Structure formats: structure tokens, C-alpha cells
């Protein structure tokens, strides 16, 4: 399926240009940044799905005879957009551990490689490279191993940065969990949603989940969307599924 590289909307086969951004569609989206999710991209995706389900929308019929049907389509589209916009969040502590592991691996490989070249030149190994091409080989391999060491040191520096950020993130996570479990209850969310009993469970979940997110954002301000989604998944289970 083609995608718009700017607003991240998905289109049907055969469409070559984004209706909103006026840019050419691509088959594969470029790698996402750490925080690719946005309310604007979600809304654009929702509108695209709604319009595709209603190929010839009529404003008058929407207002007079199809309001309920359109509302249902919008709900379903928003649910689809939200589910596809969620990115798996990797916490800062895990990132720090990954960078540290990579750092140790790169530094060890680089150091062992350079030592092996030195021992080879000293004749410790029972074989040697023929001159004069061996010095070119030494230079190329030595440069490669040196790059490994430099990359390892850079990864180690990044791991230290994420370790510091992890402490701040853990503190924020603890504060959000404590506040939410003390101030947000199943009854308060259900009451605020005011959904009819016959409403499908999927729609209820989406609405309750949005109210939980909004409650946290109103208390703690905007934050990384993937981080908030991951945290709300955990809190939702504690508030709804365990009570």
C-alpha cells in the first residue's frame, strides 16, 4: 500500500499523490524518529479512512440522514488509526543497557584485532603475510579495528547519557503511577465517558483509554506519545482488569 512520506497517511493502490500534502506517495515509509506519533497524523489518517469508506460523501445526507452511521465510521477509523500509530516504547534504562552491551562488544573486538595484528607482525603466529602487501593489509585492518574502538567509546558515552535520563524517567513513571491509582478510578472514567451499555467493548476501550491518557496529560503535561501509550496500557490493566 502507498504511503505519504509527510503526513504518514496510507492510501489505496493506484493513488500516486497525497490529497493533503500534494507530494508523491512512497511504497515504504522512511525510518521513524523516536517520537513519530502525532494527533495531526492520526486525524489525517482517520479522515482518509472515512472518506475511502464513503467514496462520494454528500454533506446534506451526512447532516440529515447518515449522522449515526458516519459517527460509527469515525469511531472505527480513530480506533484503527490509534492502534497503528502506537510504537513499541523502549525505556531509557533498556536503551542504556543496549548501548553499554554494544560498547563492550565493539571495544573488545577492536582491541583483540589490533593485538592480533601486532602479534602477527612479531612472528608469534606460525604464519605471516607476504611483503610488501602485508603493510597495506595491516593499515586497512588496523583502521577498521580502530573504528570499532571509537564506535565502542561513542556507544559507552551514549549509555551514560541514557543512564542519567533513566533516573529522571523512572521518577516520573513512579509519580504518574502513584497519582493515577490514587485519583483515577474505573467508576470515574466510566462516568465521564457516559457511553450507552450497548456500545461495543472495542469502542468503550478506546474511549476509556483516551480519557485515561487525557487525565495524565492534564496533570503532568505533554510527553513522549509512545511512552504515554506504554504507561497507560499498564495502568489500564490495573484500573480495569484487576478490579
C-alpha atoms as a PDB file:
ATOM      1  CA  UNK A   1       0.000   0.000   0.000  1.00  0.00           C
ATOM      2  CA  UNK A   2       1.344   3.505  -0.826  1.00  0.00           C
ATOM      3  CA  UNK A   3       2.071   5.972   1.964  1.00  0.00           C
ATOM      4  CA  UNK A   4       2.543   9.722   2.196  1.00  0.00           C
ATOM      5  CA  UNK A   5       6.100  10.398   3.487  1.00  0.00           C
ATOM      6  CA  UNK A   6       4.973  13.697   5.040  1.00  0.00           C
ATOM      7  CA  UNK A   7       1.732  13.034   6.939  1.00  0.00           C
ATOM      8  CA  UNK A   8       2.134   9.200   7.127  1.00  0.00           C
ATOM      9  CA  UNK A   9      -1.342   8.552   5.662  1.00  0.00           C
ATOM     10  CA  UNK A  10      -1.955   5.225   3.923  1.00  0.00           C
ATOM     11  CA  UNK A  11      -3.695   5.194   0.522  1.00  0.00           C
ATOM     12  CA  UNK A  12      -5.266   2.577  -1.696  1.00  0.00           C
ATOM     13  CA  UNK A  13      -3.353   1.054  -4.595  1.00  0.00           C
ATOM     14  CA  UNK A  14      -3.407   3.216  -7.689  1.00  0.00           C
ATOM     15  CA  UNK A  15      -3.180   6.570  -5.884  1.00  0.00           C
ATOM     16  CA  UNK A  16       0.155   8.312  -6.509  1.00  0.00           C
ATOM     17  CA  UNK A  17      -0.174  11.695  -4.745  1.00  0.00           C
ATOM     18  CA  UNK A  18      -1.257  12.729  -1.235  1.00  0.00           C
ATOM     19  CA  UNK A  19      -4.519  14.668  -1.361  1.00  0.00           C
ATOM     20  CA  UNK A  20      -3.478  16.934   1.530  1.00  0.00           C
ATOM     21  CA  UNK A  21       0.281  17.356   1.166  1.00  0.00           C
ATOM     22  CA  UNK A  22       0.467  17.246  -2.646  1.00  0.00           C
ATOM     23  CA  UNK A  23       3.601  15.063  -2.567  1.00  0.00           C
ATOM     24  CA  UNK A  24       4.323  11.772  -4.304  1.00  0.00           C
ATOM     25  CA  UNK A  25       3.442   8.625  -2.363  1.00  0.00           C
ATOM     26  CA  UNK A  26       6.081   6.007  -1.481  1.00  0.00           C
ATOM     27  CA  UNK A  27       5.842   2.255  -1.038  1.00  0.00           C
ATOM     28  CA  UNK A  28       7.827   2.228   2.221  1.00  0.00           C
ATOM     29  CA  UNK A  29       7.950   4.956   4.849  1.00  0.00           C
ATOM     30  CA  UNK A  30      11.393   6.240   5.927  1.00  0.00           C
ATOM     31  CA  UNK A  31      12.615   5.198   9.413  1.00  0.00           C
ATOM     32  CA  UNK A  32      10.559   6.871  12.124  1.00  0.00           C
ATOM     33  CA  UNK A  33      12.080   9.201  14.670  1.00  0.00           C
ATOM     34  CA  UNK A  34      11.861   8.441  18.384  1.00  0.00           C
ATOM     35  CA  UNK A  35       8.514  10.176  18.678  1.00  0.00           C
ATOM     36  CA  UNK A  36       6.721   9.692  15.302  1.00  0.00           C
ATOM     37  CA  UNK A  37       3.192   9.754  16.684  1.00  0.00           C
ATOM     38  CA  UNK A  38       1.152  12.944  16.487  1.00  0.00           C
ATOM     39  CA  UNK A  39      -2.501  13.842  16.863  1.00  0.00           C
ATOM     40  CA  UNK A  40      -2.375  15.552  13.451  1.00  0.00           C
ATOM     41  CA  UNK A  41      -1.208  12.417  11.642  1.00  0.00           C
ATOM     42  CA  UNK A  42      -3.822  10.357  13.488  1.00  0.00           C
ATOM     43  CA  UNK A  43      -6.609  12.721  12.449  1.00  0.00           C
ATOM     44  CA  UNK A  44      -5.463  12.801   8.830  1.00  0.00           C
ATOM     45  CA  UNK A  45      -5.337   9.005   8.748  1.00  0.00           C
ATOM     46  CA  UNK A  46      -8.802   8.849  10.294  1.00  0.00           C
ATOM     47  CA  UNK A  47     -10.214  11.260   7.705  1.00  0.00           C
ATOM     48  CA  UNK A  48      -8.648   9.276   4.877  1.00  0.00           C
ATOM     49  CA  UNK A  49     -10.236   6.005   6.026  1.00  0.00           C
ATOM     50  CA  UNK A  50     -13.610   7.666   6.496  1.00  0.00           C
ATOM     51  CA  UNK A  51     -13.518   9.187   3.024  1.00  0.00           C
ATOM     52  CA  UNK A  52     -12.441   5.894   1.467  1.00  0.00           C
ATOM     53  CA  UNK A  53     -15.396   4.163   3.093  1.00  0.00           C
ATOM     54  CA  UNK A  54     -17.656   6.870   1.655  1.00  0.00           C
ATOM     55  CA  UNK A  55     -16.345   7.399  -1.870  1.00  0.00           C
ATOM     56  CA  UNK A  56     -18.973  10.013  -2.709  1.00  0.00           C
ATOM     57  CA  UNK A  57     -19.676  11.915   0.502  1.00  0.00           C
ATOM     58  CA  UNK A  58     -22.710  14.151   0.492  1.00  0.00           C
ATOM     59  CA  UNK A  59     -22.782  16.950   3.099  1.00  0.00           C
ATOM     60  CA  UNK A  60     -26.572  17.154   3.175  1.00  0.00           C
ATOM     61  CA  UNK A  61     -27.090  13.430   3.639  1.00  0.00           C
ATOM     62  CA  UNK A  62     -24.445  13.379   6.360  1.00  0.00           C
ATOM     63  CA  UNK A  63     -26.317  16.052   8.265  1.00  0.00           C
ATOM     64  CA  UNK A  64     -29.853  14.763   7.765  1.00  0.00           C
ATOM     65  CA  UNK A  65     -29.880  11.006   7.278  1.00  0.00           C
ATOM     66  CA  UNK A  66     -26.493   9.404   7.983  1.00  0.00           C
ATOM     67  CA  UNK A  67     -25.156  11.069  11.131  1.00  0.00           C
ATOM     68  CA  UNK A  68     -25.260   7.913  13.218  1.00  0.00           C
ATOM     69  CA  UNK A  69     -23.618   5.815  10.507  1.00  0.00           C
ATOM     70  CA  UNK A  70     -20.870   8.387   9.973  1.00  0.00           C
ATOM     71  CA  UNK A  71     -20.218   8.661  13.720  1.00  0.00           C
ATOM     72  CA  UNK A  72     -19.743   4.912  13.866  1.00  0.00           C
ATOM     73  CA  UNK A  73     -17.314   5.011  10.938  1.00  0.00           C
ATOM     74  CA  UNK A  74     -15.342   7.799  12.576  1.00  0.00           C
ATOM     75  CA  UNK A  75     -15.079   5.843  15.822  1.00  0.00           C
ATOM     76  CA  UNK A  76     -13.858   2.771  13.965  1.00  0.00           C
ATOM     77  CA  UNK A  77     -11.391   4.844  11.947  1.00  0.00           C
ATOM     78  CA  UNK A  78      -9.995   6.503  15.066  1.00  0.00           C
ATOM     79  CA  UNK A  79      -9.563   3.088  16.689  1.00  0.00           C
ATOM     80  CA  UNK A  80      -7.721   1.834  13.614  1.00  0.00           C
ATOM     81  CA  UNK A  81      -5.547   4.950  13.468  1.00  0.00           C
ATOM     82  CA  UNK A  82      -4.686   4.742  17.149  1.00  0.00           C
ATOM     83  CA  UNK A  83      -3.791   1.063  17.024  1.00  0.00           C
ATOM     84  CA  UNK A  84      -1.486   1.576  14.024  1.00  0.00           C
ATOM     85  CA  UNK A  85       0.107   4.712  15.489  1.00  0.00           C
ATOM     86  CA  UNK A  86       1.308   3.030  18.669  1.00  0.00           C
ATOM     87  CA  UNK A  87       5.014   2.350  18.648  1.00  0.00           C
ATOM     88  CA  UNK A  88       6.714  -0.077  20.992  1.00  0.00           C
ATOM     89  CA  UNK A  89       8.421   2.097  23.587  1.00  0.00           C
ATOM     90  CA  UNK A  90      11.869   1.206  24.870  1.00  0.00           C
ATOM     91  CA  UNK A  91      12.566   2.798  28.221  1.00  0.00           C
ATOM     92  CA  UNK A  92      15.756   4.731  28.890  1.00  0.00           C
ATOM     93  CA  UNK A  93      17.188   2.051  31.154  1.00  0.00           C
ATOM     94  CA  UNK A  94      16.893  -0.585  28.396  1.00  0.00           C
ATOM     95  CA  UNK A  95      18.494   1.782  25.912  1.00  0.00           C
ATOM     96  CA  UNK A  96      21.373   2.392  28.286  1.00  0.00           C
ATOM     97  CA  UNK A  97      21.921  -1.350  28.674  1.00  0.00           C
ATOM     98  CA  UNK A  98      21.813  -1.896  24.901  1.00  0.00           C
ATOM     99  CA  UNK A  99      24.372   0.848  24.265  1.00  0.00           C
ATOM    100  CA  UNK A 100      26.627  -0.472  27.035  1.00  0.00           C
ATOM    101  CA  UNK A 101      26.486  -4.005  25.635  1.00  0.00           C
ATOM    102  CA  UNK A 102      27.331  -2.715  22.150  1.00  0.00           C
ATOM    103  CA  UNK A 103      30.166  -0.617  23.564  1.00  0.00           C
ATOM    104  CA  UNK A 104      31.828  -3.560  25.292  1.00  0.00           C
ATOM    105  CA  UNK A 105      31.495  -5.750  22.192  1.00  0.00           C
ATOM    106  CA  UNK A 106      32.959  -3.153  19.825  1.00  0.00           C
ATOM    107  CA  UNK A 107      35.838  -2.225  22.139  1.00  0.00           C
ATOM    108  CA  UNK A 108      36.780  -5.876  22.790  1.00  0.00           C
ATOM    109  CA  UNK A 109      36.662  -6.788  19.091  1.00  0.00           C
ATOM    110  CA  UNK A 110      38.723  -3.727  18.145  1.00  0.00           C
ATOM    111  CA  UNK A 111      41.323  -4.279  20.863  1.00  0.00           C
ATOM    112  CA  UNK A 112      41.686  -8.009  20.160  1.00  0.00           C
ATOM    113  CA  UNK A 113      42.045  -7.287  16.446  1.00  0.00           C
ATOM    114  CA  UNK A 114      44.837  -4.747  16.949  1.00  0.00           C
ATOM    115  CA  UNK A 115      46.669  -7.065  19.364  1.00  0.00           C
ATOM    116  CA  UNK A 116      46.374  -9.894  16.835  1.00  0.00           C
ATOM    117  CA  UNK A 117      47.960  -7.703  14.136  1.00  0.00           C
ATOM    118  CA  UNK A 118      50.844  -6.807  16.459  1.00  0.00           C
ATOM    119  CA  UNK A 119      51.457 -10.460  17.374  1.00  0.00           C
ATOM    120  CA  UNK A 120      51.289 -11.403  13.706  1.00  0.00           C
ATOM    121  CA  UNK A 121      54.000  -8.871  12.850  1.00  0.00           C
ATOM    122  CA  UNK A 122      56.160 -10.073  15.759  1.00  0.00           C
ATOM    123  CA  UNK A 123      56.030 -13.618  14.429  1.00  0.00           C
ATOM    124  CA  UNK A 124      54.140 -15.092  17.345  1.00  0.00           C
ATOM    125  CA  UNK A 125      51.734 -16.867  14.994  1.00  0.00           C
ATOM    126  CA  UNK A 126      53.099 -19.691  12.807  1.00  0.00           C
ATOM    127  CA  UNK A 127      52.175 -17.817   9.638  1.00  0.00           C
ATOM    128  CA  UNK A 128      52.775 -14.347   8.224  1.00  0.00           C
ATOM    129  CA  UNK A 129      51.700 -12.110   5.372  1.00  0.00           C
ATOM    130  CA  UNK A 130      53.923 -11.626   2.373  1.00  0.00           C
ATOM    131  CA  UNK A 131      55.620  -8.238   1.949  1.00  0.00           C
ATOM    132  CA  UNK A 132      55.078  -5.549   0.747  1.00  0.00           C
ATOM    133  CA  UNK A 133      51.311  -6.031   0.530  1.00  0.00           C
ATOM    134  CA  UNK A 134      51.108  -7.006   4.191  1.00  0.00           C
ATOM    135  CA  UNK A 135      51.558  -3.422   5.321  1.00  0.00           C
ATOM    136  CA  UNK A 136      48.551  -2.317   3.285  1.00  0.00           C
ATOM    137  CA  UNK A 137      46.600  -5.143   4.911  1.00  0.00           C
ATOM    138  CA  UNK A 138      47.813  -4.056   8.349  1.00  0.00           C
ATOM    139  CA  UNK A 139      46.788  -0.456   7.644  1.00  0.00           C
ATOM    140  CA  UNK A 140      43.303  -1.369   6.413  1.00  0.00           C
ATOM    141  CA  UNK A 141      42.573  -3.860   9.189  1.00  0.00           C
ATOM    142  CA  UNK A 142      44.143  -1.632  11.823  1.00  0.00           C
ATOM    143  CA  UNK A 143      41.954   1.291  10.725  1.00  0.00           C
ATOM    144  CA  UNK A 144      38.885  -0.945  10.838  1.00  0.00           C
ATOM    145  CA  UNK A 145      39.647  -2.159  14.361  1.00  0.00           C
ATOM    146  CA  UNK A 146      40.372   1.414  15.451  1.00  0.00           C
ATOM    147  CA  UNK A 147      36.953   2.475  14.129  1.00  0.00           C
ATOM    148  CA  UNK A 148      35.398  -0.335  16.194  1.00  0.00           C
ATOM    149  CA  UNK A 149      37.061   1.065  19.312  1.00  0.00           C
ATOM    150  CA  UNK A 150      35.915   4.627  18.531  1.00  0.00           C
ATOM    151  CA  UNK A 151      32.341   3.413  17.933  1.00  0.00           C
ATOM    152  CA  UNK A 152      32.504   1.483  21.208  1.00  0.00           C
ATOM    153  CA  UNK A 153      33.597   4.564  23.131  1.00  0.00           C
ATOM    154  CA  UNK A 154      30.788   6.559  21.498  1.00  0.00           C
ATOM    155  CA  UNK A 155      28.249   3.871  22.475  1.00  0.00           C
ATOM    156  CA  UNK A 156      29.583   3.862  26.012  1.00  0.00           C
ATOM    157  CA  UNK A 157      29.128   7.647  26.168  1.00  0.00           C
ATOM    158  CA  UNK A 158      25.534   7.263  24.923  1.00  0.00           C
ATOM    159  CA  UNK A 159      24.864   4.622  27.577  1.00  0.00           C
ATOM    160  CA  UNK A 160      25.958   7.060  30.283  1.00  0.00           C
ATOM    161  CA  UNK A 161      23.606   9.702  28.893  1.00  0.00           C
ATOM    162  CA  UNK A 162      20.655   7.307  28.905  1.00  0.00           C
ATOM    163  CA  UNK A 163      21.505   6.140  32.425  1.00  0.00           C
ATOM    164  CA  UNK A 164      21.084   9.718  33.644  1.00  0.00           C
ATOM    165  CA  UNK A 165      17.834  10.108  31.691  1.00  0.00           C
ATOM    166  CA  UNK A 166      16.597   6.771  33.047  1.00  0.00           C
ATOM    167  CA  UNK A 167      16.692   8.087  36.601  1.00  0.00           C
ATOM    168  CA  UNK A 168      14.506  11.032  35.629  1.00  0.00           C
ATOM    169  CA  UNK A 169      12.170   8.792  33.649  1.00  0.00           C
ATOM    170  CA  UNK A 170      11.821   6.277  36.482  1.00  0.00           C
ATOM    171  CA  UNK A 171      10.982   9.084  38.893  1.00  0.00           C
ATOM    172  CA  UNK A 172       8.340  10.438  36.504  1.00  0.00           C
ATOM    173  CA  UNK A 173       6.887   6.957  35.975  1.00  0.00           C
ATOM    174  CA  UNK A 174       6.577   6.378  39.714  1.00  0.00           C
ATOM    175  CA  UNK A 175       4.895   9.750  40.234  1.00  0.00           C
ATOM    176  CA  UNK A 176       2.428   9.145  37.390  1.00  0.00           C
ATOM    177  CA  UNK A 177       1.520   5.675  38.657  1.00  0.00           C
ATOM    178  CA  UNK A 178       1.005   6.847  42.232  1.00  0.00           C
ATOM    179  CA  UNK A 179      -1.107   9.828  41.204  1.00  0.00           C
ATOM    180  CA  UNK A 180      -3.194   7.850  38.709  1.00  0.00           C
ATOM    181  CA  UNK A 181      -4.010   4.977  41.045  1.00  0.00           C
ATOM    182  CA  UNK A 182      -4.946   7.456  43.769  1.00  0.00           C
ATOM    183  CA  UNK A 183      -7.047   9.828  41.645  1.00  0.00           C
ATOM    184  CA  UNK A 184      -8.361   7.874  38.660  1.00  0.00           C
ATOM    185  CA  UNK A 185     -10.809   5.030  39.183  1.00  0.00           C
ATOM    186  CA  UNK A 186     -12.806   2.767  36.934  1.00  0.00           C
ATOM    187  CA  UNK A 187     -16.016   4.448  38.103  1.00  0.00           C
ATOM    188  CA  UNK A 188     -14.737   7.959  37.367  1.00  0.00           C
ATOM    189  CA  UNK A 189     -13.700   7.059  33.818  1.00  0.00           C
ATOM    190  CA  UNK A 190     -16.915   5.175  33.041  1.00  0.00           C
ATOM    191  CA  UNK A 191     -18.969   8.041  34.442  1.00  0.00           C
ATOM    192  CA  UNK A 192     -17.104  10.656  32.430  1.00  0.00           C
ATOM    193  CA  UNK A 193     -17.360   8.610  29.224  1.00  0.00           C
ATOM    194  CA  UNK A 194     -21.138   8.262  29.620  1.00  0.00           C
ATOM    195  CA  UNK A 195     -21.359   5.574  26.937  1.00  0.00           C
ATOM    196  CA  UNK A 196     -24.548   3.543  26.365  1.00  0.00           C
ATOM    197  CA  UNK A 197     -24.495  -0.032  27.602  1.00  0.00           C
ATOM    198  CA  UNK A 198     -24.993  -1.428  24.084  1.00  0.00           C
ATOM    199  CA  UNK A 199     -21.803   0.265  22.850  1.00  0.00           C
ATOM    200  CA  UNK A 200     -19.270  -2.336  21.549  1.00  0.00           C
ATOM    201  CA  UNK A 201     -16.488  -3.181  24.004  1.00  0.00           C
ATOM    202  CA  UNK A 202     -13.834  -2.100  21.479  1.00  0.00           C
ATOM    203  CA  UNK A 203     -15.277   1.407  21.328  1.00  0.00           C
ATOM    204  CA  UNK A 204     -15.552   1.532  25.113  1.00  0.00           C
ATOM    205  CA  UNK A 205     -11.915   0.525  25.471  1.00  0.00           C
ATOM    206  CA  UNK A 206     -10.786   3.226  23.054  1.00  0.00           C
ATOM    207  CA  UNK A 207     -12.819   5.905  24.816  1.00  0.00           C
ATOM    208  CA  UNK A 208     -11.730   4.843  28.312  1.00  0.00           C
ATOM    209  CA  UNK A 209      -8.109   4.664  27.182  1.00  0.00           C
ATOM    210  CA  UNK A 210      -8.292   8.192  25.732  1.00  0.00           C
ATOM    211  CA  UNK A 211      -9.790   9.550  28.959  1.00  0.00           C
ATOM    212  CA  UNK A 212      -7.018   7.914  30.969  1.00  0.00           C
ATOM    213  CA  UNK A 213      -4.370   9.463  28.705  1.00  0.00           C
ATOM    214  CA  UNK A 214      -6.012  12.882  28.885  1.00  0.00           C
ATOM    215  CA  UNK A 215      -6.180  12.734  32.672  1.00  0.00           C
ATOM    216  CA  UNK A 216      -2.457  12.029  32.897  1.00  0.00           C
ATOM    217  CA  UNK A 217      -1.567  14.699  30.325  1.00  0.00           C
ATOM    218  CA  UNK A 218      -3.683  17.304  32.092  1.00  0.00           C
ATOM    219  CA  UNK A 219      -1.818  16.623  35.348  1.00  0.00           C
ATOM    220  CA  UNK A 220       1.734  16.110  34.057  1.00  0.00           C
ATOM    221  CA  UNK A 221       1.717  17.921  30.698  1.00  0.00           C
ATOM    222  CA  UNK A 222       2.671  16.647  27.246  1.00  0.00           C
ATOM    223  CA  UNK A 223       5.191  13.817  26.999  1.00  0.00           C
ATOM    224  CA  UNK A 224       6.533  11.261  24.558  1.00  0.00           C
ATOM    225  CA  UNK A 225       3.448   9.685  22.975  1.00  0.00           C
ATOM    226  CA  UNK A 226       4.871   6.152  22.846  1.00  0.00           C
ATOM    227  CA  UNK A 227       5.961   6.411  26.473  1.00  0.00           C
ATOM    228  CA  UNK A 228       2.474   7.550  27.470  1.00  0.00           C
ATOM    229  CA  UNK A 229       0.817   4.768  25.472  1.00  0.00           C
ATOM    230  CA  UNK A 230       3.023   2.137  27.109  1.00  0.00           C
ATOM    231  CA  UNK A 231       2.404   3.523  30.583  1.00  0.00           C
ATOM    232  CA  UNK A 232      -1.366   3.763  30.045  1.00  0.00           C
ATOM    233  CA  UNK A 233      -1.502   0.144  28.865  1.00  0.00           C
ATOM    234  CA  UNK A 234      -0.087  -0.922  32.215  1.00  0.00           C
ATOM    235  CA  UNK A 235      -2.286   1.428  34.236  1.00  0.00           C
ATOM    236  CA  UNK A 236      -5.407   0.472  32.283  1.00  0.00           C
ATOM    237  CA  UNK A 237      -4.898  -3.134  33.281  1.00  0.00           C
ATOM    238  CA  UNK A 238      -4.543  -2.218  36.935  1.00  0.00           C
ATOM    239  CA  UNK A 239      -7.607   0.070  36.900  1.00  0.00           C
ATOM    240  CA  UNK A 240      -9.998  -2.024  34.796  1.00  0.00           C
ATOM    241  CA  UNK A 241      -8.891  -5.627  34.514  1.00  0.00           C
ATOM    242  CA  UNK A 242      -7.795  -6.251  38.087  1.00  0.00           C
ATOM    243  CA  UNK A 243     -10.762  -4.537  39.744  1.00  0.00           C
END
